[in-house]
Amino acid sequence: MPIDLPGTPLRKAIKASKLINGKLTEIIKQRKADLADGKASPTQDILSHMLMTCDEDGTYMKELDMATKIMGMLIGGYEAVDAVCTLIVKFLAKLPHIYDAAYKEQMEIANLKAPRELLNWDDIQKMKHLGNVA
């Protein structure tokens, strides 16, 4: 279980998340005002749609929930796994000395393992070259 201590990546991530959620909440409030004033269209984008649509009970989504959903869409749409894998292969092909170092590292670890033995956390921690590639 992660522990929220000052100076840790977790603390920085929490702080960044709060900052982004705050900015998104400001945008949501502004859009809500623009919709009320007729300056924005209910079909303008996903945010307007979220603001104008209620559930079957007639309840509208809370601003924080909207910010969280939008954040999820932003993160999910930023880099997909297949795009990252493609870029890794592309750059390894362009930098054969990096590929060779990563390959050598992988083979050294593989040679220490019994046949069909799976990697463990210690093995992954030894992957300095591959860790820098990804």
Foldseek 3Di string as FASTA:
>chain_A
DDDQDPPDPVVVVVVVLVVQLVVQLVVLVVVVVCVVVVVDDCVRDPSSVLQPDDDPVRHGDDSSVVSVVVVVVCVCPPDDPVNLVVVLVVVCVVPVVLVVVQVVLVVVLVVVDDVPDDDDPVSVVSRPSVVVSD
